[in-house]
């Protein structure tokens, strides 16, 4: 586990990420949390988080009895978390342990950030912290979730939901998407890209993308968007349009739109705008403070457009982003 070496949002204290592991927890999402938050980062010259596991029992039988987890902290460690990741398990109909629900409520009351992966939304909802809030969960449990927790604003078709101090991810691999989103929110796009490269995982899939897309066997031998995406990413500073992307792919704009929806769950224009904004963020993190130049080099045109898009997508202005993440930022994660 990562030692207490990174700086936390409360000054010199490390930002502590704690995962509660309970009986029948899913090992995949536990692995995702460990990969994103728990590994040392020699390539960055620092560790990003202090990470630890805790459990209400000395021996915890994981999902379907695959293995038993021992040697982790007791549940009291959850009371020291800045970010608390709650248990997720496939038997969503089984009530969560009262001691675990109490730990979640205490964490929420003191202002800790809460994360739920996959069926972890059930834990958060059962603790009562999701009432009136936005959340998502694995699509196969959407109906049951709505029935049991009608006061929660469930968004069943997205990869993850960031509702400020409570964040939830859909099934399985969406845990990686949410984890990288948290790293990006805490440390900026450049650090998140470094973490994603080590994971060999997409640096950024927007939370609003659909959880899954139907992919029938194609009529054509190859309809992959990869070549046109790579081509566009090398030319983000150019005045690219959807028509340019369609021409490069040798299809009509309507066909390109259908392929984007089928393969990426988004539109060509939305994808292009987000790629440009991600480039703008990286330029700012590398020390570029001339926002008109950032806007031109990222294809966003003007500083005013950059400001509008950055506020919409990140919630802060370019100037605030520069103060937080600029020039190889090494200080604390962003406050929640």
C-alpha atoms as a PDB file:
ATOM      1  CA  UNK A   1       0.000   0.000   0.000  1.00  0.00           C
ATOM      2  CA  UNK A   2       1.121   3.543  -0.584  1.00  0.00           C
ATOM      3  CA  UNK A   3       2.830   5.113   2.382  1.00  0.00           C
ATOM      4  CA  UNK A   4       1.861   8.484   3.786  1.00  0.00           C
ATOM      5  CA  UNK A   5       3.969  10.513   1.404  1.00  0.00           C
ATOM      6  CA  UNK A   6       1.662  12.676  -0.667  1.00  0.00           C
ATOM      7  CA  UNK A   7       0.216  15.930   0.558  1.00  0.00           C
ATOM      8  CA  UNK A   8      -3.455  16.079   1.476  1.00  0.00           C
ATOM      9  CA  UNK A   9      -6.047  18.722   1.071  1.00  0.00           C
ATOM     10  CA  UNK A  10      -5.807  19.675   4.764  1.00  0.00           C
ATOM     11  CA  UNK A  11      -2.235  21.009   4.472  1.00  0.00           C
ATOM     12  CA  UNK A  12       0.692  18.783   5.481  1.00  0.00           C
ATOM     13  CA  UNK A  13      -1.482  15.733   6.153  1.00  0.00           C
ATOM     14  CA  UNK A  14      -1.645  13.126   3.387  1.00  0.00           C
ATOM     15  CA  UNK A  15      -4.887  12.714   1.477  1.00  0.00           C
ATOM     16  CA  UNK A  16      -6.069   9.375   2.761  1.00  0.00           C
ATOM     17  CA  UNK A  17      -8.157   7.031   0.606  1.00  0.00           C
ATOM     18  CA  UNK A  18      -9.735   4.180   2.565  1.00  0.00           C
ATOM     19  CA  UNK A  19     -11.647   1.249   1.074  1.00  0.00           C
ATOM     20  CA  UNK A  20     -14.128  -0.639   3.236  1.00  0.00           C
ATOM     21  CA  UNK A  21     -14.113  -4.319   2.305  1.00  0.00           C
ATOM     22  CA  UNK A  22     -17.020  -6.374   3.614  1.00  0.00           C
ATOM     23  CA  UNK A  23     -18.239  -9.933   3.151  1.00  0.00           C
ATOM     24  CA  UNK A  24     -18.830 -10.906  -0.509  1.00  0.00           C
ATOM     25  CA  UNK A  25     -17.194  -7.743  -1.848  1.00  0.00           C
ATOM     26  CA  UNK A  26     -16.209  -7.770  -5.521  1.00  0.00           C
ATOM     27  CA  UNK A  27     -12.443  -8.227  -5.993  1.00  0.00           C
ATOM     28  CA  UNK A  28     -12.395  -6.505  -9.390  1.00  0.00           C
ATOM     29  CA  UNK A  29     -13.442  -3.095  -8.076  1.00  0.00           C
ATOM     30  CA  UNK A  30     -11.093  -3.546  -5.121  1.00  0.00           C
ATOM     31  CA  UNK A  31      -8.301  -4.106  -7.645  1.00  0.00           C
ATOM     32  CA  UNK A  32      -9.335  -0.978  -9.552  1.00  0.00           C
ATOM     33  CA  UNK A  33      -9.149   1.126  -6.393  1.00  0.00           C
ATOM     34  CA  UNK A  34      -5.749  -0.321  -5.535  1.00  0.00           C
ATOM     35  CA  UNK A  35      -4.360   0.284  -9.035  1.00  0.00           C
ATOM     36  CA  UNK A  36      -5.534   3.895  -9.187  1.00  0.00           C
ATOM     37  CA  UNK A  37      -5.050   5.077  -5.610  1.00  0.00           C
ATOM     38  CA  UNK A  38      -2.719   2.604  -3.935  1.00  0.00           C
ATOM     39  CA  UNK A  39       0.368   2.174  -6.101  1.00  0.00           C
ATOM     40  CA  UNK A  40       3.595   4.097  -5.738  1.00  0.00           C
ATOM     41  CA  UNK A  41       4.277   6.548  -8.558  1.00  0.00           C
ATOM     42  CA  UNK A  42       8.050   6.689  -9.157  1.00  0.00           C
ATOM     43  CA  UNK A  43       7.369   8.007 -12.653  1.00  0.00           C
ATOM     44  CA  UNK A  44       5.835  11.096 -11.023  1.00  0.00           C
ATOM     45  CA  UNK A  45       8.458  11.427  -8.317  1.00  0.00           C
ATOM     46  CA  UNK A  46       5.814  11.275  -5.585  1.00  0.00           C
ATOM     47  CA  UNK A  47       2.893   9.227  -4.345  1.00  0.00           C
ATOM     48  CA  UNK A  48      -0.561  10.660  -4.931  1.00  0.00           C
ATOM     49  CA  UNK A  49      -2.470   9.204  -1.983  1.00  0.00           C
ATOM     50  CA  UNK A  50      -2.117   7.403   1.305  1.00  0.00           C
ATOM     51  CA  UNK A  51      -4.170   4.262   0.656  1.00  0.00           C
ATOM     52  CA  UNK A  52      -5.412   1.557   2.967  1.00  0.00           C
ATOM     53  CA  UNK A  53      -8.021  -1.169   3.280  1.00  0.00           C
ATOM     54  CA  UNK A  54     -10.238  -1.788   6.265  1.00  0.00           C
ATOM     55  CA  UNK A  55     -12.862  -4.324   7.204  1.00  0.00           C
ATOM     56  CA  UNK A  56     -15.311  -4.872  10.059  1.00  0.00           C
ATOM     57  CA  UNK A  57     -13.957  -8.404  10.540  1.00  0.00           C
ATOM     58  CA  UNK A  58     -10.412  -9.826  10.841  1.00  0.00           C
ATOM     59  CA  UNK A  59     -11.175 -12.304   8.041  1.00  0.00           C
ATOM     60  CA  UNK A  60     -13.331 -11.242   5.091  1.00  0.00           C
ATOM     61  CA  UNK A  61     -14.611 -13.804   2.606  1.00  0.00           C
ATOM     62  CA  UNK A  62     -14.640 -12.168  -0.820  1.00  0.00           C
ATOM     63  CA  UNK A  63     -17.206 -12.711  -3.570  1.00  0.00           C
ATOM     64  CA  UNK A  64     -18.351 -16.319  -4.005  1.00  0.00           C
ATOM     65  CA  UNK A  65     -15.606 -17.472  -1.643  1.00  0.00           C
ATOM     66  CA  UNK A  66     -12.853 -16.785  -4.194  1.00  0.00           C
ATOM     67  CA  UNK A  67     -10.420 -15.921  -1.399  1.00  0.00           C
ATOM     68  CA  UNK A  68     -10.263 -14.610   2.151  1.00  0.00           C
ATOM     69  CA  UNK A  69      -8.818 -11.175   2.908  1.00  0.00           C
ATOM     70  CA  UNK A  70      -6.845 -10.795   6.138  1.00  0.00           C
ATOM     71  CA  UNK A  71      -4.278  -8.438   7.614  1.00  0.00           C
ATOM     72  CA  UNK A  72      -6.111  -5.166   6.934  1.00  0.00           C
ATOM     73  CA  UNK A  73      -7.099  -2.402   9.338  1.00  0.00           C
ATOM     74  CA  UNK A  74     -10.271  -2.491  11.380  1.00  0.00           C
ATOM     75  CA  UNK A  75     -13.342  -0.478  10.478  1.00  0.00           C
ATOM     76  CA  UNK A  76     -12.153   2.396  12.659  1.00  0.00           C
ATOM     77  CA  UNK A  77      -9.735   3.324   9.850  1.00  0.00           C
ATOM     78  CA  UNK A  78     -12.737   4.607   7.893  1.00  0.00           C
ATOM     79  CA  UNK A  79     -13.027   7.430  10.429  1.00  0.00           C
ATOM     80  CA  UNK A  80      -9.682   8.796   9.201  1.00  0.00           C
ATOM     81  CA  UNK A  81     -10.541   8.788   5.492  1.00  0.00           C
ATOM     82  CA  UNK A  82     -10.560  11.919   3.363  1.00  0.00           C
ATOM     83  CA  UNK A  83     -12.016   9.764   0.573  1.00  0.00           C
ATOM     84  CA  UNK A  84     -13.996   6.684   1.554  1.00  0.00           C
ATOM     85  CA  UNK A  85     -14.789   3.946  -0.987  1.00  0.00           C
ATOM     86  CA  UNK A  86     -17.769   1.915   0.193  1.00  0.00           C
ATOM     87  CA  UNK A  87     -18.294  -1.857  -0.220  1.00  0.00           C
ATOM     88  CA  UNK A  88     -19.908  -3.251  -3.345  1.00  0.00           C
ATOM     89  CA  UNK A  89     -21.246  -6.781  -3.634  1.00  0.00           C
ATOM     90  CA  UNK A  90     -23.386  -8.696  -6.155  1.00  0.00           C
ATOM     91  CA  UNK A  91     -26.089  -9.770  -3.693  1.00  0.00           C
ATOM     92  CA  UNK A  92     -27.676  -6.329  -3.605  1.00  0.00           C
ATOM     93  CA  UNK A  93     -30.766  -7.642  -1.829  1.00  0.00           C
ATOM     94  CA  UNK A  94     -28.751  -8.437   1.316  1.00  0.00           C
ATOM     95  CA  UNK A  95     -28.846  -5.589   3.863  1.00  0.00           C
ATOM     96  CA  UNK A  96     -25.501  -3.946   4.503  1.00  0.00           C
ATOM     97  CA  UNK A  97     -23.864  -4.394   7.879  1.00  0.00           C
ATOM     98  CA  UNK A  98     -25.096  -1.679  10.318  1.00  0.00           C
ATOM     99  CA  UNK A  99     -21.544  -0.898  11.448  1.00  0.00           C
ATOM    100  CA  UNK A 100     -20.543  -0.233   7.827  1.00  0.00           C
ATOM    101  CA  UNK A 101     -23.553   2.015   7.242  1.00  0.00           C
ATOM    102  CA  UNK A 102     -22.715   3.947  10.416  1.00  0.00           C
ATOM    103  CA  UNK A 103     -19.134   4.431   9.199  1.00  0.00           C
ATOM    104  CA  UNK A 104     -20.426   5.790   5.896  1.00  0.00           C
ATOM    105  CA  UNK A 105     -22.784   8.192   7.686  1.00  0.00           C
ATOM    106  CA  UNK A 106     -19.992   9.446   9.960  1.00  0.00           C
ATOM    107  CA  UNK A 107     -17.704  10.017   6.991  1.00  0.00           C
ATOM    108  CA  UNK A 108     -20.398  11.966   5.166  1.00  0.00           C
ATOM    109  CA  UNK A 109     -21.219  14.041   8.244  1.00  0.00           C
ATOM    110  CA  UNK A 110     -17.623  15.167   8.659  1.00  0.00           C
ATOM    111  CA  UNK A 111     -17.280  16.114   4.965  1.00  0.00           C
ATOM    112  CA  UNK A 112     -15.318  13.177   3.559  1.00  0.00           C
ATOM    113  CA  UNK A 113     -15.676  12.397  -0.130  1.00  0.00           C
ATOM    114  CA  UNK A 114     -17.613   9.168  -0.771  1.00  0.00           C
ATOM    115  CA  UNK A 115     -17.147   6.813  -3.744  1.00  0.00           C
ATOM    116  CA  UNK A 116     -19.326   3.877  -4.733  1.00  0.00           C
ATOM    117  CA  UNK A 117     -18.306   1.483  -7.507  1.00  0.00           C
ATOM    118  CA  UNK A 118     -20.934  -0.671  -9.254  1.00  0.00           C
ATOM    119  CA  UNK A 119     -23.369  -1.876  -6.569  1.00  0.00           C
ATOM    120  CA  UNK A 120     -21.673   0.433  -4.068  1.00  0.00           C
ATOM    121  CA  UNK A 121     -24.537   2.835  -4.795  1.00  0.00           C
ATOM    122  CA  UNK A 122     -26.765   0.463  -2.809  1.00  0.00           C
ATOM    123  CA  UNK A 123     -24.500   0.882   0.217  1.00  0.00           C
ATOM    124  CA  UNK A 124     -24.602   4.668  -0.070  1.00  0.00           C
ATOM    125  CA  UNK A 125     -28.366   4.703  -0.566  1.00  0.00           C
ATOM    126  CA  UNK A 126     -28.963   2.336   2.344  1.00  0.00           C
ATOM    127  CA  UNK A 127     -26.877   4.660   4.523  1.00  0.00           C
ATOM    128  CA  UNK A 128     -29.262   7.464   3.555  1.00  0.00           C
ATOM    129  CA  UNK A 129     -26.619   9.781   2.100  1.00  0.00           C
ATOM    130  CA  UNK A 130     -28.005   9.665  -1.459  1.00  0.00           C
ATOM    131  CA  UNK A 131     -31.500  10.987  -0.729  1.00  0.00           C
ATOM    132  CA  UNK A 132     -32.256  13.679  -3.304  1.00  0.00           C
ATOM    133  CA  UNK A 133     -28.850  13.208  -4.912  1.00  0.00           C
ATOM    134  CA  UNK A 134     -27.713  12.054  -8.358  1.00  0.00           C
ATOM    135  CA  UNK A 135     -26.146   8.599  -8.672  1.00  0.00           C
ATOM    136  CA  UNK A 136     -25.608   5.671 -11.005  1.00  0.00           C
ATOM    137  CA  UNK A 137     -25.230   1.918 -10.631  1.00  0.00           C
ATOM    138  CA  UNK A 138     -24.786  -1.116 -12.850  1.00  0.00           C
ATOM    139  CA  UNK A 139     -27.548  -1.155 -15.472  1.00  0.00           C
ATOM    140  CA  UNK A 140     -28.730  -4.651 -14.522  1.00  0.00           C
ATOM    141  CA  UNK A 141     -29.810  -3.424 -11.071  1.00  0.00           C
ATOM    142  CA  UNK A 142     -31.403  -0.151 -12.179  1.00  0.00           C
ATOM    143  CA  UNK A 143     -35.003  -1.287 -11.710  1.00  0.00           C
ATOM    144  CA  UNK A 144     -34.363  -2.759  -8.280  1.00  0.00           C
ATOM    145  CA  UNK A 145     -32.476   0.352  -7.217  1.00  0.00           C
ATOM    146  CA  UNK A 146     -35.327   2.645  -8.281  1.00  0.00           C
ATOM    147  CA  UNK A 147     -37.847   0.484  -6.448  1.00  0.00           C
ATOM    148  CA  UNK A 148     -35.895   0.438  -3.202  1.00  0.00           C
ATOM    149  CA  UNK A 149     -34.590   4.015  -3.267  1.00  0.00           C
ATOM    150  CA  UNK A 150     -37.117   6.227  -5.069  1.00  0.00           C
ATOM    151  CA  UNK A 151     -35.715   9.417  -3.512  1.00  0.00           C
ATOM    152  CA  UNK A 152     -32.371   8.962  -5.328  1.00  0.00           C
ATOM    153  CA  UNK A 153     -32.065  10.530  -8.786  1.00  0.00           C
ATOM    154  CA  UNK A 154     -30.707   7.472 -10.580  1.00  0.00           C
ATOM    155  CA  UNK A 155     -28.962   7.981 -13.938  1.00  0.00           C
ATOM    156  CA  UNK A 156     -28.737   4.384 -15.205  1.00  0.00           C
ATOM    157  CA  UNK A 157     -27.205   4.955 -18.644  1.00  0.00           C
ATOM    158  CA  UNK A 158     -23.966   6.748 -17.731  1.00  0.00           C
ATOM    159  CA  UNK A 159     -20.509   5.524 -16.760  1.00  0.00           C
ATOM    160  CA  UNK A 160     -20.262   7.582 -13.588  1.00  0.00           C
ATOM    161  CA  UNK A 161     -21.837  10.491 -11.764  1.00  0.00           C
ATOM    162  CA  UNK A 162     -19.854  13.213  -9.993  1.00  0.00           C
ATOM    163  CA  UNK A 163     -22.236  14.880  -7.541  1.00  0.00           C
ATOM    164  CA  UNK A 164     -19.566  16.811  -5.694  1.00  0.00           C
ATOM    165  CA  UNK A 165     -18.790  14.985  -2.464  1.00  0.00           C
ATOM    166  CA  UNK A 166     -20.490  11.743  -3.533  1.00  0.00           C
ATOM    167  CA  UNK A 167     -19.390   9.970  -6.719  1.00  0.00           C
ATOM    168  CA  UNK A 168     -20.756   6.713  -8.110  1.00  0.00           C
ATOM    169  CA  UNK A 169     -19.664   4.480 -10.977  1.00  0.00           C
ATOM    170  CA  UNK A 170     -21.538   1.944 -13.059  1.00  0.00           C
ATOM    171  CA  UNK A 171     -20.464  -1.668 -13.454  1.00  0.00           C
ATOM    172  CA  UNK A 172     -16.960  -3.099 -13.442  1.00  0.00           C
ATOM    173  CA  UNK A 173     -14.580  -1.138 -15.711  1.00  0.00           C
ATOM    174  CA  UNK A 174     -16.413   2.118 -15.008  1.00  0.00           C
ATOM    175  CA  UNK A 175     -14.619   2.007 -11.634  1.00  0.00           C
ATOM    176  CA  UNK A 176     -11.417   2.796 -13.523  1.00  0.00           C
ATOM    177  CA  UNK A 177     -13.140   5.662 -15.331  1.00  0.00           C
ATOM    178  CA  UNK A 178     -14.318   7.165 -12.059  1.00  0.00           C
ATOM    179  CA  UNK A 179     -10.963   6.575 -10.376  1.00  0.00           C
ATOM    180  CA  UNK A 180      -9.128   8.407 -13.151  1.00  0.00           C
ATOM    181  CA  UNK A 181     -11.722  11.172 -13.004  1.00  0.00           C
ATOM    182  CA  UNK A 182     -10.955  11.614  -9.308  1.00  0.00           C
ATOM    183  CA  UNK A 183      -7.211  11.721 -10.013  1.00  0.00           C
ATOM    184  CA  UNK A 184      -7.852  14.318 -12.732  1.00  0.00           C
ATOM    185  CA  UNK A 185      -9.993  16.347 -10.357  1.00  0.00           C
ATOM    186  CA  UNK A 186      -7.360  16.172  -7.598  1.00  0.00           C
ATOM    187  CA  UNK A 187      -4.127  16.426  -9.578  1.00  0.00           C
ATOM    188  CA  UNK A 188      -4.958  17.586 -13.123  1.00  0.00           C
ATOM    189  CA  UNK A 189      -5.078  16.027 -16.571  1.00  0.00           C
ATOM    190  CA  UNK A 190      -1.339  15.464 -16.959  1.00  0.00           C
ATOM    191  CA  UNK A 191      -1.080  13.312 -13.825  1.00  0.00           C
ATOM    192  CA  UNK A 192      -4.277  11.447 -14.721  1.00  0.00           C
ATOM    193  CA  UNK A 193      -2.825  10.713 -18.162  1.00  0.00           C
ATOM    194  CA  UNK A 194       0.307   9.294 -16.535  1.00  0.00           C
ATOM    195  CA  UNK A 195      -1.791   7.023 -14.312  1.00  0.00           C
ATOM    196  CA  UNK A 196      -3.875   5.884 -17.298  1.00  0.00           C
ATOM    197  CA  UNK A 197      -0.751   5.092 -19.361  1.00  0.00           C
ATOM    198  CA  UNK A 198       0.498   2.822 -16.591  1.00  0.00           C
ATOM    199  CA  UNK A 199      -2.929   1.158 -16.537  1.00  0.00           C
ATOM    200  CA  UNK A 200      -2.918   0.898 -20.358  1.00  0.00           C
ATOM    201  CA  UNK A 201      -6.415   2.339 -20.174  1.00  0.00           C
ATOM    202  CA  UNK A 202      -8.196   5.206 -21.898  1.00  0.00           C
ATOM    203  CA  UNK A 203      -7.156   8.452 -20.250  1.00  0.00           C
ATOM    204  CA  UNK A 204     -10.645   9.920 -20.307  1.00  0.00           C
ATOM    205  CA  UNK A 205     -14.056   8.469 -21.001  1.00  0.00           C
ATOM    206  CA  UNK A 206     -16.602  11.084 -20.092  1.00  0.00           C
ATOM    207  CA  UNK A 207     -18.959  10.121 -17.298  1.00  0.00           C
ATOM    208  CA  UNK A 208     -21.962  10.899 -19.473  1.00  0.00           C
ATOM    209  CA  UNK A 209     -21.149   8.143 -21.945  1.00  0.00           C
ATOM    210  CA  UNK A 210     -23.542   5.225 -22.074  1.00  0.00           C
ATOM    211  CA  UNK A 211     -22.700   2.212 -19.908  1.00  0.00           C
ATOM    212  CA  UNK A 212     -22.851  -0.137 -22.879  1.00  0.00           C
ATOM    213  CA  UNK A 213     -23.597   0.012 -26.589  1.00  0.00           C
ATOM    214  CA  UNK A 214     -25.126  -2.623 -28.790  1.00  0.00           C
ATOM    215  CA  UNK A 215     -22.579  -3.786 -31.361  1.00  0.00           C
ATOM    216  CA  UNK A 216     -23.995  -6.134 -33.995  1.00  0.00           C
ATOM    217  CA  UNK A 217     -21.579  -7.720 -36.408  1.00  0.00           C
ATOM    218  CA  UNK A 218     -20.584  -5.031 -38.919  1.00  0.00           C
ATOM    219  CA  UNK A 219     -21.554  -5.273 -42.562  1.00  0.00           C
ATOM    220  CA  UNK A 220     -18.185  -3.800 -43.539  1.00  0.00           C
ATOM    221  CA  UNK A 221     -14.877  -5.469 -42.687  1.00  0.00           C
ATOM    222  CA  UNK A 222     -13.558  -2.516 -40.642  1.00  0.00           C
ATOM    223  CA  UNK A 223     -15.530   0.393 -39.218  1.00  0.00           C
ATOM    224  CA  UNK A 224     -13.138   1.213 -36.384  1.00  0.00           C
ATOM    225  CA  UNK A 225     -12.864   4.889 -35.504  1.00  0.00           C
ATOM    226  CA  UNK A 226      -9.308   4.472 -34.210  1.00  0.00           C
ATOM    227  CA  UNK A 227      -7.549   5.772 -37.361  1.00  0.00           C
ATOM    228  CA  UNK A 228      -9.651   8.912 -37.646  1.00  0.00           C
ATOM    229  CA  UNK A 229      -9.408   9.573 -33.888  1.00  0.00           C
ATOM    230  CA  UNK A 230      -5.614   9.331 -34.001  1.00  0.00           C
ATOM    231  CA  UNK A 231      -5.522  11.574 -37.079  1.00  0.00           C
ATOM    232  CA  UNK A 232      -7.679  14.216 -35.372  1.00  0.00           C
ATOM    233  CA  UNK A 233      -5.705  14.125 -32.125  1.00  0.00           C
ATOM    234  CA  UNK A 234      -2.585  15.133 -34.048  1.00  0.00           C
ATOM    235  CA  UNK A 235      -4.408  18.137 -35.556  1.00  0.00           C
ATOM    236  CA  UNK A 236      -6.443  19.573 -32.702  1.00  0.00           C
ATOM    237  CA  UNK A 237      -5.011  23.041 -33.337  1.00  0.00           C
ATOM    238  CA  UNK A 238      -6.416  23.009 -36.873  1.00  0.00           C
ATOM    239  CA  UNK A 239      -9.964  24.196 -37.650  1.00  0.00           C
ATOM    240  CA  UNK A 240     -11.309  20.651 -37.848  1.00  0.00           C
ATOM    241  CA  UNK A 241     -15.013  20.114 -38.366  1.00  0.00           C
ATOM    242  CA  UNK A 242     -17.249  17.064 -38.265  1.00  0.00           C
ATOM    243  CA  UNK A 243     -17.233  17.191 -42.060  1.00  0.00           C
ATOM    244  CA  UNK A 244     -13.415  16.973 -42.009  1.00  0.00           C
ATOM    245  CA  UNK A 245     -13.573  13.893 -39.767  1.00  0.00           C
ATOM    246  CA  UNK A 246     -16.165  12.299 -42.041  1.00  0.00           C
ATOM    247  CA  UNK A 247     -14.049  13.003 -45.115  1.00  0.00           C
ATOM    248  CA  UNK A 248     -11.004  11.458 -43.446  1.00  0.00           C
ATOM    249  CA  UNK A 249     -13.043   8.360 -42.596  1.00  0.00           C
ATOM    250  CA  UNK A 250     -14.454   8.318 -46.161  1.00  0.00           C
ATOM    251  CA  UNK A 251     -18.042   8.279 -44.929  1.00  0.00           C
ATOM    252  CA  UNK A 252     -20.897  10.752 -44.799  1.00  0.00           C
ATOM    253  CA  UNK A 253     -21.326  12.940 -41.672  1.00  0.00           C
ATOM    254  CA  UNK A 254     -24.495  10.990 -40.857  1.00  0.00           C
ATOM    255  CA  UNK A 255     -22.622   7.661 -40.998  1.00  0.00           C
ATOM    256  CA  UNK A 256     -19.795   9.091 -38.887  1.00  0.00           C
ATOM    257  CA  UNK A 257     -22.336  10.248 -36.315  1.00  0.00           C
ATOM    258  CA  UNK A 258     -23.857   6.774 -36.125  1.00  0.00           C
ATOM    259  CA  UNK A 259     -20.439   5.174 -35.678  1.00  0.00           C
ATOM    260  CA  UNK A 260     -19.492   7.586 -32.893  1.00  0.00           C
ATOM    261  CA  UNK A 261     -22.730   6.822 -31.088  1.00  0.00           C
ATOM    262  CA  UNK A 262     -22.277   3.068 -31.554  1.00  0.00           C
ATOM    263  CA  UNK A 263     -18.579   2.885 -30.622  1.00  0.00           C
ATOM    264  CA  UNK A 264     -18.074   5.779 -28.200  1.00  0.00           C
ATOM    265  CA  UNK A 265     -21.564   6.649 -27.002  1.00  0.00           C
ATOM    266  CA  UNK A 266     -21.115  10.311 -27.924  1.00  0.00           C
ATOM    267  CA  UNK A 267     -21.199  12.638 -30.941  1.00  0.00           C
ATOM    268  CA  UNK A 268     -18.227  13.653 -33.128  1.00  0.00           C
ATOM    269  CA  UNK A 269     -18.522  17.299 -32.093  1.00  0.00           C
ATOM    270  CA  UNK A 270     -18.677  16.486 -28.388  1.00  0.00           C
ATOM    271  CA  UNK A 271     -15.665  14.183 -28.683  1.00  0.00           C
ATOM    272  CA  UNK A 272     -13.683  16.805 -30.600  1.00  0.00           C
ATOM    273  CA  UNK A 273     -14.497  19.547 -28.100  1.00  0.00           C
ATOM    274  CA  UNK A 274     -13.483  17.408 -25.123  1.00  0.00           C
ATOM    275  CA  UNK A 275     -10.224  16.372 -26.770  1.00  0.00           C
ATOM    276  CA  UNK A 276      -9.411  20.037 -27.371  1.00  0.00           C
ATOM    277  CA  UNK A 277     -10.256  20.950 -23.810  1.00  0.00           C
ATOM    278  CA  UNK A 278      -8.063  18.111 -22.497  1.00  0.00           C
ATOM    279  CA  UNK A 279      -5.179  19.463 -24.602  1.00  0.00           C
ATOM    280  CA  UNK A 280      -5.796  22.960 -23.247  1.00  0.00           C
ATOM    281  CA  UNK A 281      -5.630  21.627 -19.690  1.00  0.00           C
ATOM    282  CA  UNK A 282      -2.323  19.887 -20.402  1.00  0.00           C
ATOM    283  CA  UNK A 283      -0.863  23.078 -21.887  1.00  0.00           C
ATOM    284  CA  UNK A 284      -1.849  25.046 -18.788  1.00  0.00           C
ATOM    285  CA  UNK A 285      -0.404  22.367 -16.501  1.00  0.00           C
ATOM    286  CA  UNK A 286       2.893  22.579 -18.402  1.00  0.00           C
ATOM    287  CA  UNK A 287       3.154  26.281 -17.582  1.00  0.00           C
ATOM    288  CA  UNK A 288       1.517  28.117 -20.487  1.00  0.00           C
ATOM    289  CA  UNK A 289      -0.259  31.138 -18.977  1.00  0.00           C
ATOM    290  CA  UNK A 290      -1.196  32.964 -22.185  1.00  0.00           C
ATOM    291  CA  UNK A 291      -4.757  31.775 -22.507  1.00  0.00           C
ATOM    292  CA  UNK A 292      -5.263  33.160 -26.009  1.00  0.00           C
ATOM    293  CA  UNK A 293      -2.315  31.007 -27.109  1.00  0.00           C
ATOM    294  CA  UNK A 294      -3.696  28.003 -25.223  1.00  0.00           C
ATOM    295  CA  UNK A 295      -7.020  28.474 -26.993  1.00  0.00           C
ATOM    296  CA  UNK A 296      -5.389  28.683 -30.437  1.00  0.00           C
ATOM    297  CA  UNK A 297      -3.053  25.720 -29.895  1.00  0.00           C
ATOM    298  CA  UNK A 298      -5.903  23.542 -28.673  1.00  0.00           C
ATOM    299  CA  UNK A 299      -8.276  24.554 -31.454  1.00  0.00           C
ATOM    300  CA  UNK A 300     -10.715  26.317 -29.135  1.00  0.00           C
ATOM    301  CA  UNK A 301     -10.257  29.641 -30.906  1.00  0.00           C
ATOM    302  CA  UNK A 302     -10.439  32.337 -28.263  1.00  0.00           C
ATOM    303  CA  UNK A 303      -9.722  32.758 -24.579  1.00  0.00           C
ATOM    304  CA  UNK A 304     -13.403  33.527 -24.054  1.00  0.00           C
ATOM    305  CA  UNK A 305     -14.404  30.171 -25.562  1.00  0.00           C
ATOM    306  CA  UNK A 306     -11.733  28.418 -23.493  1.00  0.00           C
ATOM    307  CA  UNK A 307     -13.081  30.073 -20.355  1.00  0.00           C
ATOM    308  CA  UNK A 308     -16.669  29.091 -21.131  1.00  0.00           C
ATOM    309  CA  UNK A 309     -15.853  25.459 -21.889  1.00  0.00           C
ATOM    310  CA  UNK A 310     -13.509  25.043 -18.938  1.00  0.00           C
ATOM    311  CA  UNK A 311     -16.051  26.407 -16.505  1.00  0.00           C
ATOM    312  CA  UNK A 312     -18.687  24.104 -17.974  1.00  0.00           C
ATOM    313  CA  UNK A 313     -16.544  20.953 -17.902  1.00  0.00           C
ATOM    314  CA  UNK A 314     -14.332  21.475 -14.815  1.00  0.00           C
ATOM    315  CA  UNK A 315     -16.278  24.037 -12.804  1.00  0.00           C
ATOM    316  CA  UNK A 316     -13.352  26.475 -12.613  1.00  0.00           C
ATOM    317  CA  UNK A 317     -11.783  29.164 -14.791  1.00  0.00           C
ATOM    318  CA  UNK A 318      -8.473  28.794 -16.671  1.00  0.00           C
ATOM    319  CA  UNK A 319      -6.815  31.086 -14.117  1.00  0.00           C
ATOM    320  CA  UNK A 320      -8.043  28.954 -11.222  1.00  0.00           C
ATOM    321  CA  UNK A 321      -6.979  25.799 -13.067  1.00  0.00           C
ATOM    322  CA  UNK A 322      -3.495  27.267 -13.537  1.00  0.00           C
ATOM    323  CA  UNK A 323      -3.213  28.112  -9.836  1.00  0.00           C
ATOM    324  CA  UNK A 324      -4.276  24.609  -8.878  1.00  0.00           C
ATOM    325  CA  UNK A 325      -2.449  22.479 -11.423  1.00  0.00           C
ATOM    326  CA  UNK A 326      -0.042  24.709 -13.337  1.00  0.00           C
ATOM    327  CA  UNK A 327       3.623  23.992 -14.025  1.00  0.00           C
ATOM    328  CA  UNK A 328       4.044  20.406 -12.735  1.00  0.00           C
ATOM    329  CA  UNK A 329       1.704  20.908  -9.803  1.00  0.00           C
ATOM    330  CA  UNK A 330       2.848  18.930  -6.756  1.00  0.00           C
ATOM    331  CA  UNK A 331       0.655  20.135  -3.908  1.00  0.00           C
ATOM    332  CA  UNK A 332      -2.497  18.777  -2.398  1.00  0.00           C
ATOM    333  CA  UNK A 333      -5.536  17.233  -4.068  1.00  0.00           C
ATOM    334  CA  UNK A 334      -8.356  19.627  -4.719  1.00  0.00           C
ATOM    335  CA  UNK A 335     -10.805  20.042  -1.911  1.00  0.00           C
ATOM    336  CA  UNK A 336     -14.169  18.411  -2.253  1.00  0.00           C
END
